[in-house]
Amino acid sequence: MVLFYVDRMKSLDRVSGLNYPIAHYLRRNLYVTGSGMNNPTYMARATEIVGADRLLFSTDCPYQYRPGGEARRFLNECGLEGAEKSGFASENWLRLTGG
C-alpha cells in the first residue's frame, strides 16, 4: 500500500525535517513483492519508486494459487530483461538475505 501513497508522502518533504526527500528513503530501504498479484501496472509503479534491484518475485501459494502457470508467465513477461529480470526472479532476494 505504501506505493500508492508515495505522492502524498512526497508532499511532506518540506515539513518532515528529514535530511533527504522521502523518496530517497523508500528507494534505499524498501523492498517490494507483489505476493502473487501479477499486475504489470503495479510492477511498473514499484520499479519506478524503488528500482528493479528492490523487487522480489513471489507467489502467495496456496492462498492465491492459480493453476496454469500464471506466475511463471508473469515472470517471463514482467517487462524486465537481463540482469533486472534475474534480480527480480531470485538474485535480489539472495543479496538481501545474504544467501
PDB file of N, CA and C in Angstrom:
ATOM      1  N   MET A   1       0.810  -1.201   0.000  1.00  0.00           N
ATOM      2  CA  MET A   1       0.000   0.000   0.000  1.00  0.00           C
ATOM      3  C   MET A   1       0.857   1.271   0.000  1.00  0.00           C
ATOM      4  N   VAL A   2       2.062   1.170   0.514  1.00  0.00           N
ATOM      5  CA  VAL A   2       2.936   2.342   0.581  1.00  0.00           C
ATOM      6  C   VAL A   2       3.113   2.963  -0.803  1.00  0.00           C
ATOM      7  N   LEU A   3       3.227   2.119  -1.821  1.00  0.00           N
ATOM      8  CA  LEU A   3       3.458   2.620  -3.169  1.00  0.00           C
ATOM      9  C   LEU A   3       2.355   3.559  -3.646  1.00  0.00           C
ATOM     10  N   PHE A   4       1.150   3.346  -3.172  1.00  0.00           N
ATOM     11  CA  PHE A   4       0.028   4.174  -3.609  1.00  0.00           C
ATOM     12  C   PHE A   4      -0.020   5.517  -2.887  1.00  0.00           C
ATOM     13  N   TYR A   5       0.748   5.648  -1.835  1.00  0.00           N
ATOM     14  CA  TYR A   5       0.770   6.892  -1.067  1.00  0.00           C
ATOM     15  C   TYR A   5       2.056   7.700  -1.253  1.00  0.00           C
ATOM     16  N   VAL A   6       2.904   7.280  -2.163  1.00  0.00           N
ATOM     17  CA  VAL A   6       4.183   7.950  -2.348  1.00  0.00           C
ATOM     18  C   VAL A   6       4.000   9.425  -2.703  1.00  0.00           C
ATOM     19  N   ASP A   7       3.096   9.725  -3.609  1.00  0.00           N
ATOM     20  CA  ASP A   7       2.899  11.126  -3.992  1.00  0.00           C
ATOM     21  C   ASP A   7       2.450  11.972  -2.812  1.00  0.00           C
ATOM     22  N   ARG A   8       1.601  11.424  -1.981  1.00  0.00           N
ATOM     23  CA  ARG A   8       1.159  12.160  -0.796  1.00  0.00           C
ATOM     24  C   ARG A   8       2.313  12.332   0.188  1.00  0.00           C
ATOM     25  N   MET A   9       3.110  11.275   0.354  1.00  0.00           N
ATOM     26  CA  MET A   9       4.244  11.365   1.276  1.00  0.00           C
ATOM     27  C   MET A   9       5.269  12.391   0.788  1.00  0.00           C
ATOM     28  N   LYS A  10       5.447  12.493  -0.532  1.00  0.00           N
ATOM     29  CA  LYS A  10       6.389  13.471  -1.076  1.00  0.00           C
ATOM     30  C   LYS A  10       6.001  14.896  -0.685  1.00  0.00           C
ATOM     31  N   SER A  11       4.720  15.136  -0.522  1.00  0.00           N
ATOM     32  CA  SER A  11       4.280  16.487  -0.153  1.00  0.00           C
ATOM     33  C   SER A  11       4.718  16.852   1.267  1.00  0.00           C
ATOM     34  N   LEU A  12       5.129  15.865   2.039  1.00  0.00           N
ATOM     35  CA  LEU A  12       5.595  16.112   3.405  1.00  0.00           C
ATOM     36  C   LEU A  12       7.077  16.477   3.466  1.00  0.00           C
ATOM     37  N   ASP A  13       7.769  16.392   2.337  1.00  0.00           N
ATOM     38  CA  ASP A  13       9.207  16.691   2.314  1.00  0.00           C
ATOM     39  C   ASP A  13       9.525  18.057   2.917  1.00  0.00           C
ATOM     40  N   ARG A  14       8.706  19.030   2.634  1.00  0.00           N
ATOM     41  CA  ARG A  14       9.006  20.404   3.075  1.00  0.00           C
ATOM     42  C   ARG A  14       8.859  20.594   4.579  1.00  0.00           C
ATOM     43  N   VAL A  15       8.151  19.685   5.257  1.00  0.00           N
ATOM     44  CA  VAL A  15       7.947  19.854   6.702  1.00  0.00           C
ATOM     45  C   VAL A  15       8.479  18.685   7.530  1.00  0.00           C
ATOM     46  N   SER A  16       9.055  17.687   6.867  1.00  0.00           N
ATOM     47  CA  SER A  16       9.450  16.465   7.583  1.00  0.00           C
ATOM     48  C   SER A  16      10.673  16.644   8.466  1.00  0.00           C
ATOM     49  N   GLY A  17      11.569  17.548   8.096  1.00  0.00           N
ATOM     50  CA  GLY A  17      12.798  17.705   8.857  1.00  0.00           C
ATOM     51  C   GLY A  17      13.817  16.611   8.571  1.00  0.00           C
ATOM     52  N   LEU A  18      13.554  15.783   7.590  1.00  0.00           N
ATOM     53  CA  LEU A  18      14.482  14.716   7.227  1.00  0.00           C
ATOM     54  C   LEU A  18      15.646  15.280   6.416  1.00  0.00           C
ATOM     55  N   ASN A  19      16.750  14.582   6.422  1.00  0.00           N
ATOM     56  CA  ASN A  19      17.924  15.018   5.660  1.00  0.00           C
ATOM     57  C   ASN A  19      17.743  14.882   4.155  1.00  0.00           C
ATOM     58  N   TYR A  20      16.895  13.951   3.729  1.00  0.00           N
ATOM     59  CA  TYR A  20      16.674  13.683   2.310  1.00  0.00           C
ATOM     60  C   TYR A  20      15.177  13.618   2.046  1.00  0.00           C
ATOM     61  N   PRO A  21      14.788  13.748   0.795  1.00  0.00           N
ATOM     62  CA  PRO A  21      13.372  13.564   0.450  1.00  0.00           C
ATOM     63  C   PRO A  21      12.909  12.149   0.805  1.00  0.00           C
ATOM     64  N   ILE A  22      11.656  11.995   1.087  1.00  0.00           N
ATOM     65  CA  ILE A  22      11.095  10.694   1.463  1.00  0.00           C
ATOM     66  C   ILE A  22      11.359   9.655   0.377  1.00  0.00           C
ATOM     67  N   ALA A  23      11.301  10.049  -0.885  1.00  0.00           N
ATOM     68  CA  ALA A  23      11.555   9.112  -1.985  1.00  0.00           C
ATOM     69  C   ALA A  23      12.945   8.481  -1.865  1.00  0.00           C
ATOM     70  N   HIS A  24      13.904   9.220  -1.368  1.00  0.00           N
ATOM     71  CA  HIS A  24      15.257   8.698  -1.166  1.00  0.00           C
ATOM     72  C   HIS A  24      15.236   7.532  -0.175  1.00  0.00           C
ATOM     73  N   TYR A  25      14.524   7.684   0.913  1.00  0.00           N
ATOM     74  CA  TYR A  25      14.452   6.625   1.933  1.00  0.00           C
ATOM     75  C   TYR A  25      13.709   5.396   1.409  1.00  0.00           C
ATOM     76  N   LEU A  26      12.669   5.619   0.629  1.00  0.00           N
ATOM     77  CA  LEU A  26      11.947   4.487   0.052  1.00  0.00           C
ATOM     78  C   LEU A  26      12.859   3.696  -0.875  1.00  0.00           C
ATOM     79  N   ARG A  27      13.578   4.385  -1.728  1.00  0.00           N
ATOM     80  CA  ARG A  27      14.455   3.717  -2.692  1.00  0.00           C
ATOM     81  C   ARG A  27      15.589   2.962  -1.994  1.00  0.00           C
ATOM     82  N   ARG A  28      16.028   3.448  -0.855  1.00  0.00           N
ATOM     83  CA  ARG A  28      17.158   2.808  -0.166  1.00  0.00           C
ATOM     84  C   ARG A  28      16.749   1.781   0.875  1.00  0.00           C
ATOM     85  N   ASN A  29      15.486   1.795   1.334  1.00  0.00           N
ATOM     86  CA  ASN A  29      15.104   0.943   2.459  1.00  0.00           C
ATOM     87  C   ASN A  29      13.923   0.018   2.218  1.00  0.00           C
ATOM     88  N   LEU A  30      13.264   0.154   1.096  1.00  0.00           N
ATOM     89  CA  LEU A  30      12.048  -0.614   0.856  1.00  0.00           C
ATOM     90  C   LEU A  30      12.290  -1.671  -0.206  1.00  0.00           C
ATOM     91  N   TYR A  31      11.870  -2.880   0.061  1.00  0.00           N
ATOM     92  CA  TYR A  31      11.815  -3.945  -0.932  1.00  0.00           C
ATOM     93  C   TYR A  31      10.349  -4.231  -1.184  1.00  0.00           C
ATOM     94  N   VAL A  32      10.012  -4.600  -2.401  1.00  0.00           N
ATOM     95  CA  VAL A  32       8.611  -4.779  -2.766  1.00  0.00           C
ATOM     96  C   VAL A  32       8.405  -6.149  -3.392  1.00  0.00           C
ATOM     97  N   THR A  33       7.369  -6.815  -2.954  1.00  0.00           N
ATOM     98  CA  THR A  33       6.913  -8.046  -3.579  1.00  0.00           C
ATOM     99  C   THR A  33       5.426  -7.922  -3.847  1.00  0.00           C
ATOM    100  N   GLY A  34       5.002  -8.421  -4.980  1.00  0.00           N
ATOM    101  CA  GLY A  34       3.580  -8.389  -5.323  1.00  0.00           C
ATOM    102  C   GLY A  34       2.796  -9.497  -4.660  1.00  0.00           C
ATOM    103  N   SER A  35       3.487 -10.458  -4.078  1.00  0.00           N
ATOM    104  CA  SER A  35       2.867 -11.565  -3.364  1.00  0.00           C
ATOM    105  C   SER A  35       1.753 -12.225  -4.168  1.00  0.00           C
ATOM    106  N   GLY A  36       2.053 -12.504  -5.419  1.00  0.00           N
ATOM    107  CA  GLY A  36       1.100 -13.207  -6.263  1.00  0.00           C
ATOM    108  C   GLY A  36       0.148 -12.308  -7.023  1.00  0.00           C
ATOM    109  N   MET A  37       0.227 -11.012  -6.825  1.00  0.00           N
ATOM    110  CA  MET A  37      -0.625 -10.082  -7.567  1.00  0.00           C
ATOM    111  C   MET A  37       0.146  -9.675  -8.816  1.00  0.00           C
ATOM    112  N   ASN A  38       0.004 -10.464  -9.849  1.00  0.00           N
ATOM    113  CA  ASN A  38       0.793 -10.329 -11.073  1.00  0.00           C
ATOM    114  C   ASN A  38       0.186  -9.284 -11.988  1.00  0.00           C
ATOM    115  N   ASN A  39       0.459  -8.047 -11.695  1.00  0.00           N
ATOM    116  CA  ASN A  39      -0.144  -6.939 -12.421  1.00  0.00           C
ATOM    117  C   ASN A  39       0.951  -6.058 -13.008  1.00  0.00           C
ATOM    118  N   PRO A  40       1.021  -5.940 -14.325  1.00  0.00           N
ATOM    119  CA  PRO A  40       2.075  -5.130 -14.952  1.00  0.00           C
ATOM    120  C   PRO A  40       2.066  -3.666 -14.505  1.00  0.00           C
ATOM    121  N   THR A  41       0.910  -3.111 -14.238  1.00  0.00           N
ATOM    122  CA  THR A  41       0.822  -1.721 -13.784  1.00  0.00           C
ATOM    123  C   THR A  41       1.474  -1.564 -12.416  1.00  0.00           C
ATOM    124  N   TYR A  42       1.200  -2.476 -11.495  1.00  0.00           N
ATOM    125  CA  TYR A  42       1.821  -2.439 -10.166  1.00  0.00           C
ATOM    126  C   TYR A  42       3.325  -2.618 -10.289  1.00  0.00           C
ATOM    127  N   MET A  43       3.726  -3.526 -11.176  1.00  0.00           N
ATOM    128  CA  MET A  43       5.150  -3.796 -11.378  1.00  0.00           C
ATOM    129  C   MET A  43       5.871  -2.538 -11.864  1.00  0.00           C
ATOM    130  N   ALA A  44       5.292  -1.852 -12.829  1.00  0.00           N
ATOM    131  CA  ALA A  44       5.912  -0.635 -13.358  1.00  0.00           C
ATOM    132  C   ALA A  44       6.003   0.434 -12.278  1.00  0.00           C
ATOM    133  N   ARG A  45       4.963   0.580 -11.469  1.00  0.00           N
ATOM    134  CA  ARG A  45       4.964   1.582 -10.401  1.00  0.00           C
ATOM    135  C   ARG A  45       6.028   1.249  -9.352  1.00  0.00           C
ATOM    136  N   ALA A  46       6.105  -0.001  -8.966  1.00  0.00           N
ATOM    137  CA  ALA A  46       7.112  -0.413  -7.982  1.00  0.00           C
ATOM    138  C   ALA A  46       8.519  -0.181  -8.512  1.00  0.00           C
ATOM    139  N   THR A  47       8.741  -0.495  -9.779  1.00  0.00           N
ATOM    140  CA  THR A  47      10.055  -0.280 -10.389  1.00  0.00           C
ATOM    141  C   THR A  47      10.398   1.205 -10.386  1.00  0.00           C
ATOM    142  N   GLU A  48       9.423   2.035 -10.691  1.00  0.00           N
ATOM    143  CA  GLU A  48       9.637   3.489 -10.718  1.00  0.00           C
ATOM    144  C   GLU A  48      10.019   4.024  -9.339  1.00  0.00           C
ATOM    145  N   ILE A  49       9.421   3.482  -8.298  1.00  0.00           N
ATOM    146  CA  ILE A  49       9.618   4.011  -6.946  1.00  0.00           C
ATOM    147  C   ILE A  49      10.878   3.461  -6.283  1.00  0.00           C
ATOM    148  N   VAL A  50      11.058   2.146  -6.303  1.00  0.00           N
ATOM    149  CA  VAL A  50      12.184   1.566  -5.567  1.00  0.00           C
ATOM    150  C   VAL A  50      13.314   1.070  -6.456  1.00  0.00           C
ATOM    151  N   GLY A  51      13.065   0.922  -7.751  1.00  0.00           N
ATOM    152  CA  GLY A  51      14.085   0.408  -8.660  1.00  0.00           C
ATOM    153  C   GLY A  51      13.998  -1.104  -8.785  1.00  0.00           C
ATOM    154  N   ALA A  52      14.434  -1.615  -9.918  1.00  0.00           N
ATOM    155  CA  ALA A  52      14.356  -3.056 -10.189  1.00  0.00           C
ATOM    156  C   ALA A  52      15.186  -3.882  -9.216  1.00  0.00           C
ATOM    157  N   ASP A  53      16.216  -3.290  -8.630  1.00  0.00           N
ATOM    158  CA  ASP A  53      17.074  -4.033  -7.699  1.00  0.00           C
ATOM    159  C   ASP A  53      16.426  -4.239  -6.338  1.00  0.00           C
ATOM    160  N   ARG A  54      15.219  -3.713  -6.147  1.00  0.00           N
ATOM    161  CA  ARG A  54      14.498  -3.871  -4.875  1.00  0.00           C
ATOM    162  C   ARG A  54      13.188  -4.625  -5.045  1.00  0.00           C
ATOM    163  N   LEU A  55      13.001  -5.267  -6.194  1.00  0.00           N
ATOM    164  CA  LEU A  55      11.797  -6.041  -6.450  1.00  0.00           C
ATOM    165  C   LEU A  55      12.062  -7.508  -6.170  1.00  0.00           C
ATOM    166  N   LEU A  56      11.110  -8.153  -5.518  1.00  0.00           N
ATOM    167  CA  LEU A  56      11.235  -9.563  -5.174  1.00  0.00           C
ATOM    168  C   LEU A  56      10.053 -10.324  -5.764  1.00  0.00           C
ATOM    169  N   PHE A  57      10.335 -11.332  -6.563  1.00  0.00           N
ATOM    170  CA  PHE A  57       9.284 -12.164  -7.140  1.00  0.00           C
ATOM    171  C   PHE A  57       8.743 -13.087  -6.061  1.00  0.00           C
ATOM    172  N   SER A  58       7.447 -13.254  -6.050  1.00  0.00           N
ATOM    173  CA  SER A  58       6.844 -14.183  -5.099  1.00  0.00           C
ATOM    174  C   SER A  58       5.474 -14.605  -5.596  1.00  0.00           C
ATOM    175  N   THR A  59       5.008 -15.664  -5.010  1.00  0.00           N
ATOM    176  CA  THR A  59       3.626 -16.073  -5.193  1.00  0.00           C
ATOM    177  C   THR A  59       3.018 -16.148  -3.807  1.00  0.00           C
ATOM    178  N   ASP A  60       1.753 -16.278  -3.750  1.00  0.00           N
ATOM    179  CA  ASP A  60       1.075 -16.358  -2.464  1.00  0.00           C
ATOM    180  C   ASP A  60       0.416 -17.726  -2.322  1.00  0.00           C
ATOM    181  N   CYS A  61       1.175 -18.740  -2.707  1.00  0.00           N
ATOM    182  CA  CYS A  61       0.690 -20.108  -2.656  1.00  0.00           C
ATOM    183  C   CYS A  61       0.613 -20.566  -1.204  1.00  0.00           C
ATOM    184  N   PRO A  62      -0.419 -21.171  -0.763  1.00  0.00           N
ATOM    185  CA  PRO A  62      -1.560 -21.669  -1.533  1.00  0.00           C
ATOM    186  C   PRO A  62      -2.726 -20.683  -1.604  1.00  0.00           C
ATOM    187  N   TYR A  63      -2.608 -19.523  -0.994  1.00  0.00           N
ATOM    188  CA  TYR A  63      -3.751 -18.624  -0.868  1.00  0.00           C
ATOM    189  C   TYR A  63      -4.212 -18.034  -2.185  1.00  0.00           C
ATOM    190  N   GLN A  64      -3.287 -17.697  -3.046  1.00  0.00           N
ATOM    191  CA  GLN A  64      -3.646 -17.111  -4.334  1.00  0.00           C
ATOM    192  C   GLN A  64      -3.218 -18.029  -5.479  1.00  0.00           C
ATOM    193  N   TYR A  65      -3.020 -19.288  -5.195  1.00  0.00           N
ATOM    194  CA  TYR A  65      -2.558 -20.211  -6.239  1.00  0.00           C
ATOM    195  C   TYR A  65      -3.582 -20.307  -7.360  1.00  0.00           C
ATOM    196  N   ARG A  66      -3.085 -20.188  -8.575  1.00  0.00           N
ATOM    197  CA  ARG A  66      -3.938 -20.351  -9.752  1.00  0.00           C
ATOM    198  C   ARG A  66      -3.240 -21.320 -10.697  1.00  0.00           C
ATOM    199  N   PRO A  67      -3.870 -22.412 -11.018  1.00  0.00           N
ATOM    200  CA  PRO A  67      -3.237 -23.353 -11.943  1.00  0.00           C
ATOM    201  C   PRO A  67      -3.072 -22.737 -13.330  1.00  0.00           C
ATOM    202  N   GLY A  68      -2.162 -23.292 -14.101  1.00  0.00           N
ATOM    203  CA  GLY A  68      -1.988 -22.825 -15.462  1.00  0.00           C
ATOM    204  C   GLY A  68      -0.722 -22.034 -15.690  1.00  0.00           C
ATOM    205  N   GLY A  69       0.148 -21.951 -14.708  1.00  0.00           N
ATOM    206  CA  GLY A  69       1.441 -21.308 -14.899  1.00  0.00           C
ATOM    207  C   GLY A  69       1.418 -19.798 -14.929  1.00  0.00           C
ATOM    208  N   GLU A  70       0.430 -19.176 -14.295  1.00  0.00           N
ATOM    209  CA  GLU A  70       0.328 -17.716 -14.324  1.00  0.00           C
ATOM    210  C   GLU A  70       1.555 -17.034 -13.738  1.00  0.00           C
ATOM    211  N   ALA A  71       2.071 -17.531 -12.633  1.00  0.00           N
ATOM    212  CA  ALA A  71       3.235 -16.907 -12.004  1.00  0.00           C
ATOM    213  C   ALA A  71       4.445 -16.961 -12.937  1.00  0.00           C
ATOM    214  N   ARG A  72       4.685 -18.106 -13.554  1.00  0.00           N
ATOM    215  CA  ARG A  72       5.808 -18.250 -14.484  1.00  0.00           C
ATOM    216  C   ARG A  72       5.616 -17.331 -15.691  1.00  0.00           C
ATOM    217  N   ARG A  73       4.394 -17.253 -16.187  1.00  0.00           N
ATOM    218  CA  ARG A  73       4.108 -16.387 -17.330  1.00  0.00           C
ATOM    219  C   ARG A  73       4.391 -14.926 -16.982  1.00  0.00           C
ATOM    220  N   PHE A  74       3.978 -14.507 -15.775  1.00  0.00           N
ATOM    221  CA  PHE A  74       4.238 -13.132 -15.359  1.00  0.00           C
ATOM    222  C   PHE A  74       5.731 -12.869 -15.267  1.00  0.00           C
ATOM    223  N   LEU A  75       6.472 -13.791 -14.711  1.00  0.00           N
ATOM    224  CA  LEU A  75       7.922 -13.627 -14.620  1.00  0.00           C
ATOM    225  C   LEU A  75       8.532 -13.469 -16.014  1.00  0.00           C
ATOM    226  N   ASN A  76       8.070 -14.260 -16.949  1.00  0.00           N
ATOM    227  CA  ASN A  76       8.598 -14.190 -18.315  1.00  0.00           C
ATOM    228  C   ASN A  76       8.204 -12.911 -19.036  1.00  0.00           C
ATOM    229  N   GLU A  77       7.051 -12.335 -18.680  1.00  0.00           N
ATOM    230  CA  GLU A  77       6.517 -11.178 -19.398  1.00  0.00           C
ATOM    231  C   GLU A  77       6.446  -9.920 -18.533  1.00  0.00           C
ATOM    232  N   CYS A  78       7.226  -9.846 -17.480  1.00  0.00           N
ATOM    233  CA  CYS A  78       7.105  -8.772 -16.492  1.00  0.00           C
ATOM    234  C   CYS A  78       7.623  -7.418 -16.964  1.00  0.00           C
ATOM    235  N   GLY A  79       8.308  -7.379 -18.096  1.00  0.00           N
ATOM    236  CA  GLY A  79       8.833  -6.118 -18.596  1.00  0.00           C
ATOM    237  C   GLY A  79      10.287  -5.873 -18.243  1.00  0.00           C
ATOM    238  N   LEU A  80      10.865  -6.759 -17.472  1.00  0.00           N
ATOM    239  CA  LEU A  80      12.281  -6.652 -17.134  1.00  0.00           C
ATOM    240  C   LEU A  80      13.072  -7.586 -18.036  1.00  0.00           C
ATOM    241  N   GLU A  81      14.307  -7.237 -18.284  1.00  0.00           N
ATOM    242  CA  GLU A  81      15.175  -8.062 -19.129  1.00  0.00           C
ATOM    243  C   GLU A  81      16.536  -8.225 -18.464  1.00  0.00           C
ATOM    244  N   GLY A  82      17.252  -9.224 -18.874  1.00  0.00           N
ATOM    245  CA  GLY A  82      18.638  -9.424 -18.457  1.00  0.00           C
ATOM    246  C   GLY A  82      18.839  -9.461 -16.958  1.00  0.00           C
ATOM    247  N   ALA A  83      19.785  -8.652 -16.497  1.00  0.00           N
ATOM    248  CA  ALA A  83      20.143  -8.643 -15.075  1.00  0.00           C
ATOM    249  C   ALA A  83      18.973  -8.209 -14.191  1.00  0.00           C
ATOM    250  N   GLU A  84      18.135  -7.295 -14.688  1.00  0.00           N
ATOM    251  CA  GLU A  84      16.980  -6.863 -13.884  1.00  0.00           C
ATOM    252  C   GLU A  84      15.999  -8.007 -13.683  1.00  0.00           C
ATOM    253  N   LYS A  85      15.763  -8.805 -14.717  1.00  0.00           N
ATOM    254  CA  LYS A  85      14.860  -9.952 -14.590  1.00  0.00           C
ATOM    255  C   LYS A  85      15.463 -11.010 -13.670  1.00  0.00           C
ATOM    256  N   SER A  86      16.762 -11.283 -13.811  1.00  0.00           N
ATOM    257  CA  SER A  86      17.435 -12.249 -12.931  1.00  0.00           C
ATOM    258  C   SER A  86      17.365 -11.785 -11.481  1.00  0.00           C
ATOM    259  N   GLY A  87      17.546 -10.494 -11.283  1.00  0.00           N
ATOM    260  CA  GLY A  87      17.436  -9.951  -9.935  1.00  0.00           C
ATOM    261  C   GLY A  87      16.047 -10.155  -9.373  1.00  0.00           C
ATOM    262  N   PHE A  88      15.049  -9.824 -10.142  1.00  0.00           N
ATOM    263  CA  PHE A  88      13.658  -9.982  -9.719  1.00  0.00           C
ATOM    264  C   PHE A  88      13.336 -11.440  -9.428  1.00  0.00           C
ATOM    265  N   ALA A  89      13.801 -12.341 -10.275  1.00  0.00           N
ATOM    266  CA  ALA A  89      13.492 -13.762 -10.124  1.00  0.00           C
ATOM    267  C   ALA A  89      14.090 -14.360  -8.854  1.00  0.00           C
ATOM    268  N   SER A  90      15.326 -13.975  -8.501  1.00  0.00           N
ATOM    269  CA  SER A  90      15.946 -14.598  -7.319  1.00  0.00           C
ATOM    270  C   SER A  90      17.127 -13.831  -6.745  1.00  0.00           C
ATOM    271  N   GLU A  91      17.912 -13.173  -7.573  1.00  0.00           N
ATOM    272  CA  GLU A  91      19.166 -12.593  -7.099  1.00  0.00           C
ATOM    273  C   GLU A  91      18.977 -11.451  -6.101  1.00  0.00           C
ATOM    274  N   ASN A  92      17.913 -10.676  -6.235  1.00  0.00           N
ATOM    275  CA  ASN A  92      17.652  -9.608  -5.253  1.00  0.00           C
ATOM    276  C   ASN A  92      17.411 -10.213  -3.872  1.00  0.00           C
ATOM    277  N   TRP A  93      16.667 -11.318  -3.839  1.00  0.00           N
ATOM    278  CA  TRP A  93      16.402 -11.994  -2.570  1.00  0.00           C
ATOM    279  C   TRP A  93      17.694 -12.541  -1.970  1.00  0.00           C
ATOM    280  N   LEU A  94      18.506 -13.161  -2.799  1.00  0.00           N
ATOM    281  CA  LEU A  94      19.761 -13.710  -2.298  1.00  0.00           C
ATOM    282  C   LEU A  94      20.669 -12.610  -1.764  1.00  0.00           C
ATOM    283  N   ARG A  95      20.723 -11.481  -2.442  1.00  0.00           N
ATOM    284  CA  ARG A  95      21.532 -10.357  -1.965  1.00  0.00           C
ATOM    285  C   ARG A  95      20.972  -9.807  -0.652  1.00  0.00           C
ATOM    286  N   LEU A  96      19.645  -9.692  -0.563  1.00  0.00           N
ATOM    287  CA  LEU A  96      19.001  -9.163   0.640  1.00  0.00           C
ATOM    288  C   LEU A  96      19.252 -10.056   1.856  1.00  0.00           C
ATOM    289  N   THR A  97      19.179 -11.347   1.656  1.00  0.00           N
ATOM    290  CA  THR A  97      19.283 -12.296   2.773  1.00  0.00           C
ATOM    291  C   THR A  97      20.685 -12.828   2.994  1.00  0.00           C
ATOM    292  N   GLY A  98      21.608 -12.460   2.100  1.00  0.00           N
ATOM    293  CA  GLY A  98      22.970 -12.973   2.234  1.00  0.00           C
ATOM    294  C   GLY A  98      23.089 -14.421   1.841  1.00  0.00           C
ATOM    295  N   GLY A  99      22.104 -14.936   1.123  1.00  0.00           N
ATOM    296  CA  GLY A  99      22.081 -16.349   0.743  1.00  0.00           C
ATOM    297  C   GLY A  99      22.682 -16.593  -0.523  1.00  0.00           C
TER     298      GLY A  99
END
